[in-house]
Amino acid sequence: MSENATPSQRLAEKVEVSIRLDSDLLDQLKHLSNDPSRIIETAIKQWLRGEREQDDELTRTFRRNPPVPPRGEWND
């Protein structure tokens, strides 16, 4: 990058990066879009900003049961 580039020019610059992906994962990405690199770029940006959406079905937190009182204190 040049030192005299404006912030908007820096955002527009793209750098090609080579990564290794599992072939099944790449097939899933291709199923979503014809441009898997765009999906990966968007996911990285969201991850860096902390904008990850949690899937409630997969990230459920279970309510803990209240503690059981010791033996002999059930009818206090």
PDB file of N, CA and C in Angstrom:
ATOM      1  N   MET A   1       0.848  -1.177   0.000  1.00  0.00           N
ATOM      2  CA  MET A   1       0.000   0.000   0.000  1.00  0.00           C
ATOM      3  C   MET A   1       0.888   1.234   0.000  1.00  0.00           C
ATOM      4  N   SER A   2       0.443   2.246  -0.655  1.00  0.00           N
ATOM      5  CA  SER A   2       1.221   3.477  -0.668  1.00  0.00           C
ATOM      6  C   SER A   2       0.885   4.296   0.558  1.00  0.00           C
ATOM      7  N   GLU A   3       1.844   5.065   0.989  1.00  0.00           N
ATOM      8  CA  GLU A   3       1.674   5.896   2.186  1.00  0.00           C
ATOM      9  C   GLU A   3       0.714   7.051   1.936  1.00  0.00           C
ATOM     10  N   ASN A   4       0.549   7.486   0.690  1.00  0.00           N
ATOM     11  CA  ASN A   4      -0.297   8.630   0.367  1.00  0.00           C
ATOM     12  C   ASN A   4      -1.732   8.225   0.047  1.00  0.00           C
ATOM     13  N   ALA A   5      -2.093   6.995   0.221  1.00  0.00           N
ATOM     14  CA  ALA A   5      -3.444   6.540  -0.105  1.00  0.00           C
ATOM     15  C   ALA A   5      -4.440   7.061   0.919  1.00  0.00           C
ATOM     16  N   THR A   6      -5.598   7.474   0.438  1.00  0.00           N
ATOM     17  CA  THR A   6      -6.649   7.922   1.346  1.00  0.00           C
ATOM     18  C   THR A   6      -7.312   6.700   1.962  1.00  0.00           C
ATOM     19  N   PRO A   7      -8.019   6.876   3.088  1.00  0.00           N
ATOM     20  CA  PRO A   7      -8.673   5.716   3.721  1.00  0.00           C
ATOM     21  C   PRO A   7      -9.629   4.982   2.790  1.00  0.00           C
ATOM     22  N   SER A   8     -10.354   5.712   1.921  1.00  0.00           N
ATOM     23  CA  SER A   8     -11.277   5.040   1.015  1.00  0.00           C
ATOM     24  C   SER A   8     -10.523   4.222  -0.028  1.00  0.00           C
ATOM     25  N   GLN A   9      -9.341   4.688  -0.452  1.00  0.00           N
ATOM     26  CA  GLN A   9      -8.536   3.921  -1.391  1.00  0.00           C
ATOM     27  C   GLN A   9      -8.003   2.656  -0.734  1.00  0.00           C
ATOM     28  N   ARG A  10      -7.631   2.734   0.541  1.00  0.00           N
ATOM     29  CA  ARG A  10      -7.121   1.569   1.255  1.00  0.00           C
ATOM     30  C   ARG A  10      -8.211   0.509   1.400  1.00  0.00           C
ATOM     31  N   LEU A  11      -9.461   0.957   1.626  1.00  0.00           N
ATOM     32  CA  LEU A  11     -10.552   0.007   1.755  1.00  0.00           C
ATOM     33  C   LEU A  11     -10.848  -0.684   0.430  1.00  0.00           C
ATOM     34  N   ALA A  12     -10.612   0.010  -0.681  1.00  0.00           N
ATOM     35  CA  ALA A  12     -10.926  -0.542  -1.985  1.00  0.00           C
ATOM     36  C   ALA A  12      -9.871  -1.529  -2.466  1.00  0.00           C
ATOM     37  N   GLU A  13      -8.653  -1.448  -1.927  1.00  0.00           N
ATOM     38  CA  GLU A  13      -7.594  -2.346  -2.366  1.00  0.00           C
ATOM     39  C   GLU A  13      -7.889  -3.773  -1.930  1.00  0.00           C
ATOM     40  N   LYS A  14      -7.617  -4.700  -2.810  1.00  0.00           N
ATOM     41  CA  LYS A  14      -7.801  -6.121  -2.497  1.00  0.00           C
ATOM     42  C   LYS A  14      -6.449  -6.805  -2.625  1.00  0.00           C
ATOM     43  N   VAL A  15      -6.215  -7.749  -1.754  1.00  0.00           N
ATOM     44  CA  VAL A  15      -4.995  -8.537  -1.781  1.00  0.00           C
ATOM     45  C   VAL A  15      -5.393  -9.986  -1.953  1.00  0.00           C
ATOM     46  N   GLU A  16      -4.765 -10.666  -2.858  1.00  0.00           N
ATOM     47  CA  GLU A  16      -5.080 -12.066  -3.092  1.00  0.00           C
ATOM     48  C   GLU A  16      -4.319 -12.918  -2.080  1.00  0.00           C
ATOM     49  N   VAL A  17      -5.068 -13.821  -1.435  1.00  0.00           N
ATOM     50  CA  VAL A  17      -4.508 -14.698  -0.421  1.00  0.00           C
ATOM     51  C   VAL A  17      -4.864 -16.132  -0.786  1.00  0.00           C
ATOM     52  N   SER A  18      -3.921 -17.010  -0.621  1.00  0.00           N
ATOM     53  CA  SER A  18      -4.173 -18.418  -0.901  1.00  0.00           C
ATOM     54  C   SER A  18      -4.442 -19.128   0.424  1.00  0.00           C
ATOM     55  N   ILE A  19      -5.561 -19.858   0.488  1.00  0.00           N
ATOM     56  CA  ILE A  19      -5.884 -20.624   1.692  1.00  0.00           C
ATOM     57  C   ILE A  19      -6.251 -22.046   1.291  1.00  0.00           C
ATOM     58  N   ARG A  20      -6.158 -22.952   2.244  1.00  0.00           N
ATOM     59  CA  ARG A  20      -6.537 -24.337   2.000  1.00  0.00           C
ATOM     60  C   ARG A  20      -7.841 -24.610   2.740  1.00  0.00           C
ATOM     61  N   LEU A  21      -8.828 -25.111   2.002  1.00  0.00           N
ATOM     62  CA  LEU A  21     -10.116 -25.430   2.580  1.00  0.00           C
ATOM     63  C   LEU A  21     -10.457 -26.886   2.293  1.00  0.00           C
ATOM     64  N   ASP A  22     -11.218 -27.455   3.181  1.00  0.00           N
ATOM     65  CA  ASP A  22     -11.742 -28.792   2.969  1.00  0.00           C
ATOM     66  C   ASP A  22     -12.656 -28.749   1.747  1.00  0.00           C
ATOM     67  N   SER A  23     -12.590 -29.762   0.893  1.00  0.00           N
ATOM     68  CA  SER A  23     -13.389 -29.755  -0.343  1.00  0.00           C
ATOM     69  C   SER A  23     -14.889 -29.724  -0.048  1.00  0.00           C
ATOM     70  N   ASP A  24     -15.317 -30.387   1.036  1.00  0.00           N
ATOM     71  CA  ASP A  24     -16.744 -30.348   1.397  1.00  0.00           C
ATOM     72  C   ASP A  24     -17.174 -28.935   1.779  1.00  0.00           C
ATOM     73  N   LEU A  25     -16.313 -28.236   2.506  1.00  0.00           N
ATOM     74  CA  LEU A  25     -16.618 -26.859   2.892  1.00  0.00           C
ATOM     75  C   LEU A  25     -16.699 -25.966   1.665  1.00  0.00           C
ATOM     76  N   LEU A  26     -15.782 -26.144   0.741  1.00  0.00           N
ATOM     77  CA  LEU A  26     -15.811 -25.344  -0.482  1.00  0.00           C
ATOM     78  C   LEU A  26     -17.085 -25.616  -1.283  1.00  0.00           C
ATOM     79  N   ASP A  27     -17.516 -26.873  -1.332  1.00  0.00           N
ATOM     80  CA  ASP A  27     -18.772 -27.194  -2.019  1.00  0.00           C
ATOM     81  C   ASP A  27     -19.955 -26.484  -1.369  1.00  0.00           C
ATOM     82  N   GLN A  28     -19.960 -26.427  -0.045  1.00  0.00           N
ATOM     83  CA  GLN A  28     -21.043 -25.731   0.658  1.00  0.00           C
ATOM     84  C   GLN A  28     -21.013 -24.242   0.353  1.00  0.00           C
ATOM     85  N   LEU A  29     -19.806 -23.659   0.300  1.00  0.00           N
ATOM     86  CA  LEU A  29     -19.690 -22.232  -0.025  1.00  0.00           C
ATOM     87  C   LEU A  29     -20.142 -21.963  -1.455  1.00  0.00           C
ATOM     88  N   LYS A  30     -19.780 -22.832  -2.376  1.00  0.00           N
ATOM     89  CA  LYS A  30     -20.192 -22.657  -3.768  1.00  0.00           C
ATOM     90  C   LYS A  30     -21.707 -22.792  -3.911  1.00  0.00           C
ATOM     91  N   HIS A  31     -22.303 -23.596  -3.043  1.00  0.00           N
ATOM     92  CA  HIS A  31     -23.755 -23.741  -3.068  1.00  0.00           C
ATOM     93  C   HIS A  31     -24.433 -22.425  -2.665  1.00  0.00           C
ATOM     94  N   LEU A  32     -23.779 -21.643  -1.800  1.00  0.00           N
ATOM     95  CA  LEU A  32     -24.345 -20.371  -1.353  1.00  0.00           C
ATOM     96  C   LEU A  32     -24.111 -19.245  -2.344  1.00  0.00           C
ATOM     97  N   SER A  33     -22.964 -19.278  -3.019  1.00  0.00           N
ATOM     98  CA  SER A  33     -22.609 -18.171  -3.903  1.00  0.00           C
ATOM     99  C   SER A  33     -21.644 -18.655  -4.974  1.00  0.00           C
ATOM    100  N   ASN A  34     -21.633 -17.955  -6.098  1.00  0.00           N
ATOM    101  CA  ASN A  34     -20.657 -18.245  -7.144  1.00  0.00           C
ATOM    102  C   ASN A  34     -19.283 -17.700  -6.795  1.00  0.00           C
ATOM    103  N   ASP A  35     -19.213 -16.842  -5.778  1.00  0.00           N
ATOM    104  CA  ASP A  35     -17.954 -16.218  -5.377  1.00  0.00           C
ATOM    105  C   ASP A  35     -17.664 -16.542  -3.909  1.00  0.00           C
ATOM    106  N   PRO A  36     -17.089 -17.713  -3.622  1.00  0.00           N
ATOM    107  CA  PRO A  36     -16.819 -18.079  -2.222  1.00  0.00           C
ATOM    108  C   PRO A  36     -15.888 -17.101  -1.503  1.00  0.00           C
ATOM    109  N   SER A  37     -15.010 -16.424  -2.239  1.00  0.00           N
ATOM    110  CA  SER A  37     -14.095 -15.489  -1.588  1.00  0.00           C
ATOM    111  C   SER A  37     -14.858 -14.335  -0.934  1.00  0.00           C
ATOM    112  N   ARG A  38     -15.971 -13.947  -1.530  1.00  0.00           N
ATOM    113  CA  ARG A  38     -16.781 -12.863  -0.956  1.00  0.00           C
ATOM    114  C   ARG A  38     -17.420 -13.306   0.368  1.00  0.00           C
ATOM    115  N   ILE A  39     -17.865 -14.556   0.426  1.00  0.00           N
ATOM    116  CA  ILE A  39     -18.441 -15.095   1.666  1.00  0.00           C
ATOM    117  C   ILE A  39     -17.383 -15.118   2.761  1.00  0.00           C
ATOM    118  N   ILE A  40     -16.193 -15.581   2.408  1.00  0.00           N
ATOM    119  CA  ILE A  40     -15.105 -15.661   3.387  1.00  0.00           C
ATOM    120  C   ILE A  40     -14.721 -14.271   3.869  1.00  0.00           C
ATOM    121  N   GLU A  41     -14.625 -13.305   2.948  1.00  0.00           N
ATOM    122  CA  GLU A  41     -14.278 -11.932   3.320  1.00  0.00           C
ATOM    123  C   GLU A  41     -15.326 -11.334   4.261  1.00  0.00           C
ATOM    124  N   THR A  42     -16.596 -11.522   3.945  1.00  0.00           N
ATOM    125  CA  THR A  42     -17.673 -11.004   4.792  1.00  0.00           C
ATOM    126  C   THR A  42     -17.639 -11.649   6.171  1.00  0.00           C
ATOM    127  N   ALA A  43     -17.412 -12.960   6.216  1.00  0.00           N
ATOM    128  CA  ALA A  43     -17.354 -13.665   7.505  1.00  0.00           C
ATOM    129  C   ALA A  43     -16.196 -13.165   8.356  1.00  0.00           C
ATOM    130  N   ILE A  44     -15.053 -12.922   7.741  1.00  0.00           N
ATOM    131  CA  ILE A  44     -13.890 -12.425   8.499  1.00  0.00           C
ATOM    132  C   ILE A  44     -14.169 -11.023   9.033  1.00  0.00           C
ATOM    133  N   LYS A  45     -14.769 -10.173   8.211  1.00  0.00           N
ATOM    134  CA  LYS A  45     -15.096  -8.804   8.663  1.00  0.00           C
ATOM    135  C   LYS A  45     -16.054  -8.844   9.852  1.00  0.00           C
ATOM    136  N   GLN A  46     -17.091  -9.676   9.764  1.00  0.00           N
ATOM    137  CA  GLN A  46     -18.045  -9.778  10.865  1.00  0.00           C
ATOM    138  C   GLN A  46     -17.368 -10.327  12.113  1.00  0.00           C
ATOM    139  N   TRP A  47     -16.501 -11.298  11.946  1.00  0.00           N
ATOM    140  CA  TRP A  47     -15.793 -11.894  13.087  1.00  0.00           C
ATOM    141  C   TRP A  47     -14.901 -10.862  13.760  1.00  0.00           C
ATOM    142  N   LEU A  48     -14.183 -10.057  12.963  1.00  0.00           N
ATOM    143  CA  LEU A  48     -13.293  -9.040  13.531  1.00  0.00           C
ATOM    144  C   LEU A  48     -14.076  -7.951  14.266  1.00  0.00           C
ATOM    145  N   ARG A  49     -15.271  -7.626  13.782  1.00  0.00           N
ATOM    146  CA  ARG A  49     -16.102  -6.609  14.438  1.00  0.00           C
ATOM    147  C   ARG A  49     -16.928  -7.194  15.574  1.00  0.00           C
ATOM    148  N   GLY A  50     -16.906  -8.502  15.724  1.00  0.00           N
ATOM    149  CA  GLY A  50     -17.691  -9.136  16.773  1.00  0.00           C
ATOM    150  C   GLY A  50     -19.170  -9.180  16.453  1.00  0.00           C
ATOM    151  N   GLU A  51     -19.519  -9.170  15.180  1.00  0.00           N
ATOM    152  CA  GLU A  51     -20.919  -9.158  14.763  1.00  0.00           C
ATOM    153  C   GLU A  51     -21.433 -10.545  14.446  1.00  0.00           C
ATOM    154  N   ARG A  52     -21.001 -11.500  15.146  1.00  0.00           N
ATOM    155  CA  ARG A  52     -21.385 -12.879  14.891  1.00  0.00           C
ATOM    156  C   ARG A  52     -22.796 -13.127  15.390  1.00  0.00           C
ATOM    157  N   GLU A  53     -23.647 -13.652  14.540  1.00  0.00           N
ATOM    158  CA  GLU A  53     -24.996 -14.018  14.966  1.00  0.00           C
ATOM    159  C   GLU A  53     -24.948 -15.433  15.515  1.00  0.00           C
ATOM    160  N   GLN A  54     -25.497 -15.614  16.687  1.00  0.00           N
ATOM    161  CA  GLN A  54     -25.502 -16.937  17.275  1.00  0.00           C
ATOM    162  C   GLN A  54     -26.763 -17.679  16.872  1.00  0.00           C
ATOM    163  N   ASP A  55     -26.608 -18.911  16.537  1.00  0.00           N
ATOM    164  CA  ASP A  55     -27.747 -19.759  16.215  1.00  0.00           C
ATOM    165  C   ASP A  55     -28.271 -20.316  17.530  1.00  0.00           C
ATOM    166  N   ASP A  56     -29.449 -19.876  17.923  1.00  0.00           N
ATOM    167  CA  ASP A  56     -29.989 -20.268  19.223  1.00  0.00           C
ATOM    168  C   ASP A  56     -30.175 -21.766  19.357  1.00  0.00           C
ATOM    169  N   GLU A  57     -30.394 -22.442  18.258  1.00  0.00           N
ATOM    170  CA  GLU A  57     -30.576 -23.892  18.334  1.00  0.00           C
ATOM    171  C   GLU A  57     -29.272 -24.599  18.695  1.00  0.00           C
ATOM    172  N   LEU A  58     -28.153 -24.009  18.309  1.00  0.00           N
ATOM    173  CA  LEU A  58     -26.864 -24.655  18.546  1.00  0.00           C
ATOM    174  C   LEU A  58     -26.142 -24.113  19.768  1.00  0.00           C
ATOM    175  N   THR A  59     -26.541 -22.939  20.245  1.00  0.00           N
ATOM    176  CA  THR A  59     -25.804 -22.310  21.339  1.00  0.00           C
ATOM    177  C   THR A  59     -26.693 -22.070  22.549  1.00  0.00           C
ATOM    178  N   ARG A  60     -27.623 -22.955  22.764  1.00  0.00           N
ATOM    179  CA  ARG A  60     -28.513 -22.799  23.903  1.00  0.00           C
ATOM    180  C   ARG A  60     -27.768 -22.960  25.212  1.00  0.00           C
ATOM    181  N   THR A  61     -28.089 -22.121  26.173  1.00  0.00           N
ATOM    182  CA  THR A  61     -27.547 -22.301  27.520  1.00  0.00           C
ATOM    183  C   THR A  61     -28.661 -22.900  28.369  1.00  0.00           C
ATOM    184  N   PHE A  62     -28.335 -23.917  29.076  1.00  0.00           N
ATOM    185  CA  PHE A  62     -29.330 -24.602  29.884  1.00  0.00           C
ATOM    186  C   PHE A  62     -29.445 -23.938  31.255  1.00  0.00           C
ATOM    187  N   ARG A  63     -30.694 -23.834  31.727  1.00  0.00           N
ATOM    188  CA  ARG A  63     -30.916 -23.313  33.070  1.00  0.00           C
ATOM    189  C   ARG A  63     -30.505 -24.370  34.078  1.00  0.00           C
ATOM    190  N   ARG A  64     -29.779 -23.935  35.067  1.00  0.00           N
ATOM    191  CA  ARG A  64     -29.376 -24.871  36.105  1.00  0.00           C
ATOM    192  C   ARG A  64     -30.527 -25.054  37.079  1.00  0.00           C
ATOM    193  N   ASN A  65     -30.688 -26.257  37.554  1.00  0.00           N
ATOM    194  CA  ASN A  65     -31.700 -26.532  38.569  1.00  0.00           C
ATOM    195  C   ASN A  65     -31.234 -25.924  39.887  1.00  0.00           C
ATOM    196  N   PRO A  66     -32.192 -25.498  40.735  1.00  0.00           N
ATOM    197  CA  PRO A  66     -31.767 -24.964  42.036  1.00  0.00           C
ATOM    198  C   PRO A  66     -31.090 -26.073  42.843  1.00  0.00           C
ATOM    199  N   PRO A  67     -30.181 -25.692  43.719  1.00  0.00           N
ATOM    200  CA  PRO A  67     -29.480 -26.720  44.488  1.00  0.00           C
ATOM    201  C   PRO A  67     -30.454 -27.511  45.376  1.00  0.00           C
ATOM    202  N   VAL A  68     -30.189 -28.777  45.521  1.00  0.00           N
ATOM    203  CA  VAL A  68     -31.017 -29.647  46.358  1.00  0.00           C
ATOM    204  C   VAL A  68     -30.559 -29.454  47.804  1.00  0.00           C
ATOM    205  N   PRO A  69     -31.507 -29.219  48.716  1.00  0.00           N
ATOM    206  CA  PRO A  69     -31.096 -29.037  50.111  1.00  0.00           C
ATOM    207  C   PRO A  69     -30.546 -30.344  50.681  1.00  0.00           C
ATOM    208  N   PRO A  70     -29.670 -30.227  51.669  1.00  0.00           N
ATOM    209  CA  PRO A  70     -29.110 -31.434  52.282  1.00  0.00           C
ATOM    210  C   PRO A  70     -30.212 -32.303  52.890  1.00  0.00           C
ATOM    211  N   ARG A  71     -29.910 -33.554  53.068  1.00  0.00           N
ATOM    212  CA  ARG A  71     -30.868 -34.520  53.613  1.00  0.00           C
ATOM    213  C   ARG A  71     -31.361 -34.058  54.989  1.00  0.00           C
ATOM    214  N   GLY A  72     -32.657 -34.142  55.214  1.00  0.00           N
ATOM    215  CA  GLY A  72     -33.223 -33.750  56.488  1.00  0.00           C
ATOM    216  C   GLY A  72     -33.743 -32.324  56.507  1.00  0.00           C
ATOM    217  N   GLU A  73     -33.494 -31.539  55.491  1.00  0.00           N
ATOM    218  CA  GLU A  73     -33.962 -30.142  55.466  1.00  0.00           C
ATOM    219  C   GLU A  73     -35.033 -29.931  54.417  1.00  0.00           C
ATOM    220  N   TRP A  74     -35.725 -30.983  54.025  1.00  0.00           N
ATOM    221  CA  TRP A  74     -36.719 -30.856  52.963  1.00  0.00           C
ATOM    222  C   TRP A  74     -37.980 -30.155  53.437  1.00  0.00           C
ATOM    223  N   ASN A  75     -38.374 -30.312  54.670  1.00  0.00           N
ATOM    224  CA  ASN A  75     -39.631 -29.755  55.140  1.00  0.00           C
ATOM    225  C   ASN A  75     -39.453 -28.609  56.122  1.00  0.00           C
ATOM    226  N   ASP A  76     -38.432 -27.828  55.921  1.00  0.00           N
ATOM    227  CA  ASP A  76     -38.206 -26.699  56.845  1.00  0.00           C
ATOM    228  C   ASP A  76     -39.169 -25.580  56.596  1.00  0.00           C
TER     229      ASP A  76
END
